[in-house]
Amino acid sequence: KFERETLVQILKLHNTVIVGDTIYKNQYLAGLNEVLPIQNNENTK
C-alpha cells in the first residue's frame, strides 16, 4: 500500500526492524535532519 521511497524514509526512523519472525537492530538509523521533510512549521523547528 505504500510507495517504496516512503518506506525507505520510514525505516530510517526506527531503531529496530522486524523481518519475517526475526528482529534486528537497524544499522541504517538516520539522524533527524536526514529524514524530516523540509518545511517551516513550528513542530519541525
All heavy atoms as atom14 arrays in JSON, in Angstrom:
{
  "sequence": "KFERETLVQILKLHNTVIVGDTIYKNQYLAGLNEVLPIQNNENTK",
  "atom14_mask": [
    [1, 1, 1, 1, 1, 1, 1, 1, 1, 0, 0, 0, 0, 0],
    [1, 1, 1, 1, 1, 1, 1, 1, 1, 1, 1, 0, 0, 0],
    [1, 1, 1, 1, 1, 1, 1, 1, 1, 0, 0, 0, 0, 0],
    [1, 1, 1, 1, 1, 1, 1, 1, 1, 1, 1, 0, 0, 0],
    [1, 1, 1, 1, 1, 1, 1, 1, 1, 0, 0, 0, 0, 0],
    [1, 1, 1, 1, 1, 1, 1, 0, 0, 0, 0, 0, 0, 0],
    [1, 1, 1, 1, 1, 1, 1, 1, 0, 0, 0, 0, 0, 0],
    [1, 1, 1, 1, 1, 1, 1, 0, 0, 0, 0, 0, 0, 0],
    [1, 1, 1, 1, 1, 1, 1, 1, 1, 0, 0, 0, 0, 0],
    [1, 1, 1, 1, 1, 1, 1, 1, 0, 0, 0, 0, 0, 0],
    [1, 1, 1, 1, 1, 1, 1, 1, 0, 0, 0, 0, 0, 0],
    [1, 1, 1, 1, 1, 1, 1, 1, 1, 0, 0, 0, 0, 0],
    [1, 1, 1, 1, 1, 1, 1, 1, 0, 0, 0, 0, 0, 0],
    [1, 1, 1, 1, 1, 1, 1, 1, 1, 1, 0, 0, 0, 0],
    [1, 1, 1, 1, 1, 1, 1, 1, 0, 0, 0, 0, 0, 0],
    [1, 1, 1, 1, 1, 1, 1, 0, 0, 0, 0, 0, 0, 0],
    [1, 1, 1, 1, 1, 1, 1, 0, 0, 0, 0, 0, 0, 0],
    [1, 1, 1, 1, 1, 1, 1, 1, 0, 0, 0, 0, 0, 0],
    [1, 1, 1, 1, 1, 1, 1, 0, 0, 0, 0, 0, 0, 0],
    [1, 1, 1, 1, 0, 0, 0, 0, 0, 0, 0, 0, 0, 0],
    [1, 1, 1, 1, 1, 1, 1, 1, 0, 0, 0, 0, 0, 0],
    [1, 1, 1, 1, 1, 1, 1, 0, 0, 0, 0, 0, 0, 0],
    [1, 1, 1, 1, 1, 1, 1, 1, 0, 0, 0, 0, 0, 0],
    [1, 1, 1, 1, 1, 1, 1, 1, 1, 1, 1, 1, 0, 0],
    [1, 1, 1, 1, 1, 1, 1, 1, 1, 0, 0, 0, 0, 0],
    [1, 1, 1, 1, 1, 1, 1, 1, 0, 0, 0, 0, 0, 0],
    [1, 1, 1, 1, 1, 1, 1, 1, 1, 0, 0, 0, 0, 0],
    [1, 1, 1, 1, 1, 1, 1, 1, 1, 1, 1, 1, 0, 0],
    [1, 1, 1, 1, 1, 1, 1, 1, 0, 0, 0, 0, 0, 0],
    [1, 1, 1, 1, 1, 0, 0, 0, 0, 0, 0, 0, 0, 0],
    [1, 1, 1, 1, 0, 0, 0, 0, 0, 0, 0, 0, 0, 0],
    [1, 1, 1, 1, 1, 1, 1, 1, 0, 0, 0, 0, 0, 0],
    [1, 1, 1, 1, 1, 1, 1, 1, 0, 0, 0, 0, 0, 0],
    [1, 1, 1, 1, 1, 1, 1, 1, 1, 0, 0, 0, 0, 0],
    [1, 1, 1, 1, 1, 1, 1, 0, 0, 0, 0, 0, 0, 0],
    [1, 1, 1, 1, 1, 1, 1, 1, 0, 0, 0, 0, 0, 0],
    [1, 1, 1, 1, 1, 1, 1, 0, 0, 0, 0, 0, 0, 0],
    [1, 1, 1, 1, 1, 1, 1, 1, 0, 0, 0, 0, 0, 0],
    [1, 1, 1, 1, 1, 1, 1, 1, 1, 0, 0, 0, 0, 0],
    [1, 1, 1, 1, 1, 1, 1, 1, 0, 0, 0, 0, 0, 0],
    [1, 1, 1, 1, 1, 1, 1, 1, 0, 0, 0, 0, 0, 0],
    [1, 1, 1, 1, 1, 1, 1, 1, 1, 0, 0, 0, 0, 0],
    [1, 1, 1, 1, 1, 1, 1, 1, 0, 0, 0, 0, 0, 0],
    [1, 1, 1, 1, 1, 1, 1, 0, 0, 0, 0, 0, 0, 0],
    [1, 1, 1, 1, 1, 1, 1, 1, 1, 0, 0, 0, 0, 0]
  ],
  "atom14_positions": [
    [[0.79, -1.22, 0.0], [0.0, 0.0, 0.0], [0.83, 1.28, 0.0], [0.3, 2.35, -0.3], [-0.94, 0.0, 1.22], [-1.93, -1.14, 1.2], [-2.85, -1.1, 2.41], [-3.85, -2.25, 2.39], [-4.76, -2.22, 3.56], [0.0, 0.0, 0.0], [0.0, 0.0, 0.0], [0.0, 0.0, 0.0], [0.0, 0.0, 0.0], [0.0, 0.0, 0.0]],
    [[2.12, 1.19, 0.37], [2.94, 2.39, 0.47], [4.0, 2.42, -0.62], [4.51, 1.38, -1.04], [3.63, 2.46, 1.85], [2.7, 2.74, 2.99], [2.08, 1.7, 3.67], [2.43, 4.04, 3.39], [1.22, 1.95, 4.73], [1.57, 4.3, 4.44], [0.97, 3.26, 5.12], [0.0, 0.0, 0.0], [0.0, 0.0, 0.0], [0.0, 0.0, 0.0]],
    [[4.35, 3.64, -1.05], [5.42, 3.8, -2.03], [6.75, 3.39, -1.42], [7.0, 3.57, -0.23], [5.5, 5.25, -2.49], [4.26, 5.74, -3.23], [4.1, 5.08, -4.59], [5.14, 4.65, -5.16], [2.96, 4.99, -5.08], [0.0, 0.0, 0.0], [0.0, 0.0, 0.0], [0.0, 0.0, 0.0], [0.0, 0.0, 0.0], [0.0, 0.0, 0.0]],
    [[7.62, 2.84, -2.27], [8.91, 2.36, -1.8], [9.71, 3.47, -1.12], [10.32, 3.26, -0.06], [9.71, 1.78, -2.97], [11.08, 1.23, -2.56], [11.84, 0.67, -3.75], [13.13, 0.14, -3.34], [14.22, 0.87, -3.15], [14.17, 2.19, -3.33], [15.35, 0.31, -2.77], [0.0, 0.0, 0.0], [0.0, 0.0, 0.0], [0.0, 0.0, 0.0]],
    [[9.74, 4.65, -1.7], [10.53, 5.75, -1.14], [10.02, 6.14, 0.24], [10.8, 6.46, 1.14], [10.51, 6.96, -2.07], [11.32, 8.15, -1.59], [12.78, 7.81, -1.33], [13.33, 6.93, -2.02], [13.37, 8.44, -0.43], [0.0, 0.0, 0.0], [0.0, 0.0, 0.0], [0.0, 0.0, 0.0], [0.0, 0.0, 0.0], [0.0, 0.0, 0.0]],
    [[8.7, 6.12, 0.42], [8.13, 6.41, 1.74], [8.6, 5.38, 2.76], [9.0, 5.73, 3.88], [6.6, 6.41, 1.67], [6.15, 7.42, 0.77], [5.99, 6.66, 3.05], [0.0, 0.0, 0.0], [0.0, 0.0, 0.0], [0.0, 0.0, 0.0], [0.0, 0.0, 0.0], [0.0, 0.0, 0.0], [0.0, 0.0, 0.0], [0.0, 0.0, 0.0]],
    [[8.59, 4.1, 2.39], [9.01, 3.04, 3.31], [10.49, 3.16, 3.66], [10.89, 2.91, 4.81], [8.72, 1.67, 2.7], [7.24, 1.33, 2.51], [7.09, -0.01, 1.8], [6.51, 1.3, 3.85], [0.0, 0.0, 0.0], [0.0, 0.0, 0.0], [0.0, 0.0, 0.0], [0.0, 0.0, 0.0], [0.0, 0.0, 0.0], [0.0, 0.0, 0.0]],
    [[11.31, 3.54, 2.69], [12.75, 3.72, 2.95], [12.96, 4.81, 3.99], [13.73, 4.66, 4.94], [13.51, 4.06, 1.66], [14.93, 4.51, 1.97], [13.53, 2.86, 0.73], [0.0, 0.0, 0.0], [0.0, 0.0, 0.0], [0.0, 0.0, 0.0], [0.0, 0.0, 0.0], [0.0, 0.0, 0.0], [0.0, 0.0, 0.0], [0.0, 0.0, 0.0]],
    [[12.25, 5.93, 3.84], [12.36, 7.02, 4.8], [11.85, 6.62, 6.18], [12.45, 6.96, 7.2], [11.58, 8.24, 4.29], [12.13, 8.85, 3.01], [13.47, 9.52, 3.25], [14.51, 8.87, 3.3], [13.46, 10.83, 3.39], [0.0, 0.0, 0.0], [0.0, 0.0, 0.0], [0.0, 0.0, 0.0], [0.0, 0.0, 0.0], [0.0, 0.0, 0.0]],
    [[10.74, 5.89, 6.2], [10.16, 5.45, 7.46], [11.12, 4.53, 8.21], [11.31, 4.64, 9.42], [8.81, 4.74, 7.22], [7.74, 5.75, 6.8], [8.37, 3.96, 8.45], [7.39, 6.76, 7.86], [0.0, 0.0, 0.0], [0.0, 0.0, 0.0], [0.0, 0.0, 0.0], [0.0, 0.0, 0.0], [0.0, 0.0, 0.0], [0.0, 0.0, 0.0]],
    [[11.73, 3.6, 7.5], [12.66, 2.66, 8.13], [13.78, 3.38, 8.86], [14.23, 2.94, 9.91], [13.24, 1.72, 7.07], [12.44, 0.47, 6.73], [13.07, -0.25, 5.53], [12.35, -0.47, 7.92], [0.0, 0.0, 0.0], [0.0, 0.0, 0.0], [0.0, 0.0, 0.0], [0.0, 0.0, 0.0], [0.0, 0.0, 0.0], [0.0, 0.0, 0.0]],
    [[14.23, 4.48, 8.31], [15.36, 5.21, 8.88], [15.04, 5.81, 10.25], [15.95, 6.23, 10.96], [15.81, 6.32, 7.93], [16.43, 5.82, 6.64], [16.81, 6.98, 5.73], [17.41, 6.52, 4.42], [17.75, 7.67, 3.53], [0.0, 0.0, 0.0], [0.0, 0.0, 0.0], [0.0, 0.0, 0.0], [0.0, 0.0, 0.0], [0.0, 0.0, 0.0]],
    [[13.76, 5.86, 10.6], [13.36, 6.47, 11.87], [13.08, 5.43, 12.96], [12.59, 5.79, 14.03], [12.13, 7.35, 11.65], [12.44, 8.7, 11.01], [11.15, 9.38, 10.55], [13.2, 9.6, 11.97], [0.0, 0.0, 0.0], [0.0, 0.0, 0.0], [0.0, 0.0, 0.0], [0.0, 0.0, 0.0], [0.0, 0.0, 0.0], [0.0, 0.0, 0.0]],
    [[13.36, 4.16, 12.7], [13.12, 3.1, 13.68], [14.43, 2.42, 14.04], [15.21, 2.06, 13.16], [12.14, 2.07, 13.11], [10.77, 2.62, 12.87], [10.47, 3.41, 11.77], [9.62, 2.5, 13.59], [9.19, 3.74, 11.83], [8.65, 3.2, 12.91], [0.0, 0.0, 0.0], [0.0, 0.0, 0.0], [0.0, 0.0, 0.0], [0.0, 0.0, 0.0]],
    [[14.66, 2.22, 15.32], [15.94, 1.63, 15.73], [15.95, 0.11, 15.64], [16.99, -0.52, 15.74], [16.31, 2.07, 17.16], [15.44, 1.44, 18.22], [14.3, 1.05, 17.96], [15.96, 1.32, 19.42], [0.0, 0.0, 0.0], [0.0, 0.0, 0.0], [0.0, 0.0, 0.0], [0.0, 0.0, 0.0], [0.0, 0.0, 0.0], [0.0, 0.0, 0.0]],
    [[14.77, -0.49, 15.42], [14.65, -1.94, 15.34], [13.7, -2.3, 14.21], [12.69, -1.62, 14.01], [14.13, -2.52, 16.68], [14.93, -2.01, 17.76], [14.19, -4.03, 16.68], [0.0, 0.0, 0.0], [0.0, 0.0, 0.0], [0.0, 0.0, 0.0], [0.0, 0.0, 0.0], [0.0, 0.0, 0.0], [0.0, 0.0, 0.0], [0.0, 0.0, 0.0]],
    [[14.02, -3.37, 13.48], [13.24, -3.78, 12.31], [12.86, -5.25, 12.45], [13.66, -6.07, 12.9], [14.06, -3.58, 11.02], [13.26, -4.04, 9.8], [14.46, -2.11, 10.86], [0.0, 0.0, 0.0], [0.0, 0.0, 0.0], [0.0, 0.0, 0.0], [0.0, 0.0, 0.0], [0.0, 0.0, 0.0], [0.0, 0.0, 0.0], [0.0, 0.0, 0.0]],
    [[11.63, -5.57, 12.06], [11.18, -6.96, 12.03], [11.18, -7.45, 10.59], [10.61, -6.8, 9.7], [9.77, -7.12, 12.63], [9.75, -6.67, 14.08], [9.29, -8.56, 12.51], [8.36, -6.73, 14.72], [0.0, 0.0, 0.0], [0.0, 0.0, 0.0], [0.0, 0.0, 0.0], [0.0, 0.0, 0.0], [0.0, 0.0, 0.0], [0.0, 0.0, 0.0]],
    [[11.82, -8.59, 10.35], [11.82, -9.24, 9.04], [11.34, -10.67, 9.26], [12.02, -11.46, 9.91], [13.21, -9.25, 8.39], [13.15, -9.94, 7.03], [13.74, -7.83, 8.25], [0.0, 0.0, 0.0], [0.0, 0.0, 0.0], [0.0, 0.0, 0.0], [0.0, 0.0, 0.0], [0.0, 0.0, 0.0], [0.0, 0.0, 0.0], [0.0, 0.0, 0.0]],
    [[10.15, -10.98, 8.73], [9.59, -12.3, 8.98], [9.28, -12.47, 10.45], [8.53, -11.68, 11.03], [0.0, 0.0, 0.0], [0.0, 0.0, 0.0], [0.0, 0.0, 0.0], [0.0, 0.0, 0.0], [0.0, 0.0, 0.0], [0.0, 0.0, 0.0], [0.0, 0.0, 0.0], [0.0, 0.0, 0.0], [0.0, 0.0, 0.0], [0.0, 0.0, 0.0]],
    [[9.88, -13.46, 11.09], [9.67, -13.67, 12.53], [10.94, -13.38, 13.33], [11.15, -13.92, 14.42], [9.19, -15.1, 12.81], [10.18, -16.15, 12.32], [11.19, -15.78, 11.72], [9.92, -17.35, 12.56], [0.0, 0.0, 0.0], [0.0, 0.0, 0.0], [0.0, 0.0, 0.0], [0.0, 0.0, 0.0], [0.0, 0.0, 0.0], [0.0, 0.0, 0.0]],
    [[11.79, -12.5, 12.78], [13.07, -12.17, 13.42], [13.2, -10.66, 13.55], [12.77, -9.92, 12.67], [14.24, -12.73, 12.59], [14.04, -14.13, 12.36], [15.56, -12.53, 13.32], [0.0, 0.0, 0.0], [0.0, 0.0, 0.0], [0.0, 0.0, 0.0], [0.0, 0.0, 0.0], [0.0, 0.0, 0.0], [0.0, 0.0, 0.0], [0.0, 0.0, 0.0]],
    [[13.79, -10.19, 14.65], [14.01, -8.76, 14.82], [15.5, -8.45, 14.76], [16.34, -9.25, 15.16], [13.4, -8.24, 16.15], [13.97, -9.0, 17.36], [11.9, -8.33, 16.11], [13.45, -8.47, 18.68], [0.0, 0.0, 0.0], [0.0, 0.0, 0.0], [0.0, 0.0, 0.0], [0.0, 0.0, 0.0], [0.0, 0.0, 0.0], [0.0, 0.0, 0.0]],
    [[15.81, -7.27, 14.23], [17.2, -6.84, 14.05], [17.33, -5.39, 14.49], [16.4, -4.59, 14.35], [17.62, -6.92, 12.58], [17.5, -8.28, 11.96], [16.34, -8.67, 11.31], [18.56, -9.19, 12.03], [16.23, -9.93, 10.72], [18.46, -10.45, 11.44], [17.29, -10.8, 10.79], [17.18, -12.05, 10.22], [0.0, 0.0, 0.0], [0.0, 0.0, 0.0]],
    [[18.5, -5.03, 14.99], [18.82, -3.62, 15.2], [19.05, -2.98, 13.84], [19.7, -3.55, 12.96], [20.06, -3.47, 16.09], [19.81, -3.82, 17.55], [18.74, -2.92, 18.16], [18.48, -3.23, 19.61], [17.38, -2.41, 20.17], [0.0, 0.0, 0.0], [0.0, 0.0, 0.0], [0.0, 0.0, 0.0], [0.0, 0.0, 0.0], [0.0, 0.0, 0.0]],
    [[18.52, -1.78, 13.65], [18.59, -1.1, 12.36], [19.95, -0.41, 12.2], [20.24, 0.57, 12.89], [17.46, -0.09, 12.25], [17.37, 0.55, 10.88], [18.12, 0.2, 9.97], [16.45, 1.48, 10.73], [0.0, 0.0, 0.0], [0.0, 0.0, 0.0], [0.0, 0.0, 0.0], [0.0, 0.0, 0.0], [0.0, 0.0, 0.0], [0.0, 0.0, 0.0]],
    [[20.75, -0.88, 11.27], [22.07, -0.3, 11.02], [21.98, 0.99, 10.21], [22.99, 1.68, 10.04], [22.95, -1.31, 10.28], [23.21, -2.58, 11.06], [24.09, -3.56, 10.31], [24.56, -3.28, 9.22], [24.32, -4.72, 10.92], [0.0, 0.0, 0.0], [0.0, 0.0, 0.0], [0.0, 0.0, 0.0], [0.0, 0.0, 0.0], [0.0, 0.0, 0.0]],
    [[20.8, 1.31, 9.7], [20.65, 2.48, 8.84], [19.83, 3.58, 9.51], [19.25, 4.44, 8.85], [19.99, 2.06, 7.52], [20.77, 0.99, 6.8], [20.37, -0.34, 6.89], [21.92, 1.29, 6.09], [21.1, -1.34, 6.26], [22.65, 0.3, 5.45], [22.23, -1.01, 5.54], [22.96, -1.99, 4.91], [0.0, 0.0, 0.0], [0.0, 0.0, 0.0]],
    [[19.78, 3.53, 10.84], [19.05, 4.56, 11.6], [19.62, 5.93, 11.27], [20.83, 6.16, 11.37], [19.17, 4.28, 13.09], [18.36, 5.16, 14.04], [16.87, 4.92, 13.84], [18.75, 4.85, 15.48], [0.0, 0.0, 0.0], [0.0, 0.0, 0.0], [0.0, 0.0, 0.0], [0.0, 0.0, 0.0], [0.0, 0.0, 0.0], [0.0, 0.0, 0.0]],
    [[18.76, 6.86, 10.9], [19.21, 8.16, 10.42], [19.05, 9.23, 11.49], [18.26, 9.1, 12.43], [18.42, 8.57, 9.18], [0.0, 0.0, 0.0], [0.0, 0.0, 0.0], [0.0, 0.0, 0.0], [0.0, 0.0, 0.0], [0.0, 0.0, 0.0], [0.0, 0.0, 0.0], [0.0, 0.0, 0.0], [0.0, 0.0, 0.0], [0.0, 0.0, 0.0]],
    [[19.8, 10.32, 11.34], [19.61, 11.5, 12.16], [18.39, 12.26, 11.7], [17.89, 12.08, 10.59], [0.0, 0.0, 0.0], [0.0, 0.0, 0.0], [0.0, 0.0, 0.0], [0.0, 0.0, 0.0], [0.0, 0.0, 0.0], [0.0, 0.0, 0.0], [0.0, 0.0, 0.0], [0.0, 0.0, 0.0], [0.0, 0.0, 0.0], [0.0, 0.0, 0.0]],
    [[17.88, 13.14, 12.55], [16.65, 13.87, 12.25], [16.71, 14.63, 10.95], [15.81, 14.57, 10.12], [16.33, 14.83, 13.4], [15.1, 15.72, 13.22], [13.85, 14.86, 13.15], [15.0, 16.71, 14.34], [0.0, 0.0, 0.0], [0.0, 0.0, 0.0], [0.0, 0.0, 0.0], [0.0, 0.0, 0.0], [0.0, 0.0, 0.0], [0.0, 0.0, 0.0]],
    [[17.77, 15.37, 10.7], [17.85, 16.22, 9.52], [17.96, 15.43, 8.22], [17.75, 15.98, 7.14], [19.03, 17.19, 9.63], [18.8, 18.22, 10.72], [17.66, 18.61, 10.96], [19.86, 18.64, 11.37], [0.0, 0.0, 0.0], [0.0, 0.0, 0.0], [0.0, 0.0, 0.0], [0.0, 0.0, 0.0], [0.0, 0.0, 0.0], [0.0, 0.0, 0.0]],
    [[18.29, 14.14, 8.31], [18.37, 13.32, 7.12], [17.01, 12.9, 6.6], [16.86, 12.54, 5.45], [19.19, 12.06, 7.41], [20.63, 12.29, 7.76], [21.32, 10.98, 8.07], [21.38, 10.12, 7.17], [21.78, 10.8, 9.21], [0.0, 0.0, 0.0], [0.0, 0.0, 0.0], [0.0, 0.0, 0.0], [0.0, 0.0, 0.0], [0.0, 0.0, 0.0]],
    [[15.98, 12.93, 7.47], [14.7, 12.33, 7.11], [13.55, 13.32, 7.12], [12.71, 13.32, 6.23], [14.37, 11.17, 8.08], [13.04, 10.53, 7.71], [15.48, 10.14, 8.05], [0.0, 0.0, 0.0], [0.0, 0.0, 0.0], [0.0, 0.0, 0.0], [0.0, 0.0, 0.0], [0.0, 0.0, 0.0], [0.0, 0.0, 0.0], [0.0, 0.0, 0.0]],
    [[13.48, 14.18, 8.13], [12.32, 15.04, 8.3], [12.12, 15.93, 7.08], [13.07, 16.51, 6.58], [12.5, 15.91, 9.54], [11.22, 16.51, 10.13], [10.32, 15.42, 10.7], [11.55, 17.53, 11.2], [0.0, 0.0, 0.0], [0.0, 0.0, 0.0], [0.0, 0.0, 0.0], [0.0, 0.0, 0.0], [0.0, 0.0, 0.0], [0.0, 0.0, 0.0]],
    [[10.9, 16.03, 6.53], [10.67, 16.85, 5.36], [10.99, 18.31, 5.61], [10.86, 18.81, 6.73], [9.17, 16.66, 5.08], [8.6, 16.21, 6.37], [9.68, 15.42, 7.05], [0.0, 0.0, 0.0], [0.0, 0.0, 0.0], [0.0, 0.0, 0.0], [0.0, 0.0, 0.0], [0.0, 0.0, 0.0], [0.0, 0.0, 0.0], [0.0, 0.0, 0.0]],
    [[11.42, 19.01, 4.57], [11.77, 20.41, 4.69], [10.5, 21.24, 4.69], [9.78, 21.32, 3.7], [12.67, 20.86, 3.53], [13.97, 20.05, 3.55], [12.97, 22.35, 3.62], [14.85, 20.29, 2.35], [0.0, 0.0, 0.0], [0.0, 0.0, 0.0], [0.0, 0.0, 0.0], [0.0, 0.0, 0.0], [0.0, 0.0, 0.0], [0.0, 0.0, 0.0]],
    [[10.18, 21.83, 5.83], [9.02, 22.68, 5.95], [9.28, 23.64, 7.1], [10.19, 23.47, 7.88], [7.75, 21.84, 6.2], [7.91, 20.81, 7.31], [6.71, 19.91, 7.37], [5.65, 20.22, 6.88], [6.87, 18.77, 8.01], [0.0, 0.0, 0.0], [0.0, 0.0, 0.0], [0.0, 0.0, 0.0], [0.0, 0.0, 0.0], [0.0, 0.0, 0.0]],
    [[8.46, 24.66, 7.19], [8.74, 25.72, 8.15], [7.74, 25.77, 9.3], [7.59, 26.79, 9.95], [8.72, 27.08, 7.42], [9.87, 27.19, 6.44], [10.99, 26.8, 6.74], [9.58, 27.72, 5.25], [0.0, 0.0, 0.0], [0.0, 0.0, 0.0], [0.0, 0.0, 0.0], [0.0, 0.0, 0.0], [0.0, 0.0, 0.0], [0.0, 0.0, 0.0]],
    [[7.04, 24.65, 9.53], [6.07, 24.7, 10.62], [6.77, 24.65, 11.97], [7.95, 24.32, 12.08], [5.04, 23.56, 10.5], [5.68, 22.19, 10.59], [6.5, 21.94, 11.45], [5.31, 21.31, 9.66], [0.0, 0.0, 0.0], [0.0, 0.0, 0.0], [0.0, 0.0, 0.0], [0.0, 0.0, 0.0], [0.0, 0.0, 0.0], [0.0, 0.0, 0.0]],
    [[6.04, 24.98, 13.02], [6.63, 25.12, 14.35], [7.13, 23.79, 14.89], [8.12, 23.73, 15.61], [5.59, 25.73, 15.3], [5.29, 27.19, 15.02], [6.57, 28.05, 15.05], [7.36, 27.88, 16.0], [6.75, 28.85, 14.13], [0.0, 0.0, 0.0], [0.0, 0.0, 0.0], [0.0, 0.0, 0.0], [0.0, 0.0, 0.0], [0.0, 0.0, 0.0]],
    [[6.42, 22.67, 14.58], [6.87, 21.37, 15.07], [8.24, 21.0, 14.53], [9.09, 20.49, 15.25], [5.86, 20.28, 14.67], [4.59, 20.36, 15.48], [4.61, 20.87, 16.59], [3.5, 19.86, 14.95], [0.0, 0.0, 0.0], [0.0, 0.0, 0.0], [0.0, 0.0, 0.0], [0.0, 0.0, 0.0], [0.0, 0.0, 0.0], [0.0, 0.0, 0.0]],
    [[8.46, 21.27, 13.25], [9.75, 20.96, 12.65], [10.85, 21.8, 13.27], [11.93, 21.32, 13.58], [9.69, 21.22, 11.13], [8.64, 20.43, 10.57], [11.0, 20.85, 10.47], [0.0, 0.0, 0.0], [0.0, 0.0, 0.0], [0.0, 0.0, 0.0], [0.0, 0.0, 0.0], [0.0, 0.0, 0.0], [0.0, 0.0, 0.0], [0.0, 0.0, 0.0]],
    [[10.61, 23.09, 13.47], [11.61, 23.97, 14.08], [11.95, 23.49, 15.49], [13.11, 23.5, 15.89], [11.07, 25.41, 14.13], [10.94, 26.06, 12.75], [10.34, 27.46, 12.89], [10.16, 28.13, 11.55], [9.52, 29.45, 11.67], [0.0, 0.0, 0.0], [0.0, 0.0, 0.0], [0.0, 0.0, 0.0], [0.0, 0.0, 0.0], [0.0, 0.0, 0.0]]
  ]
}
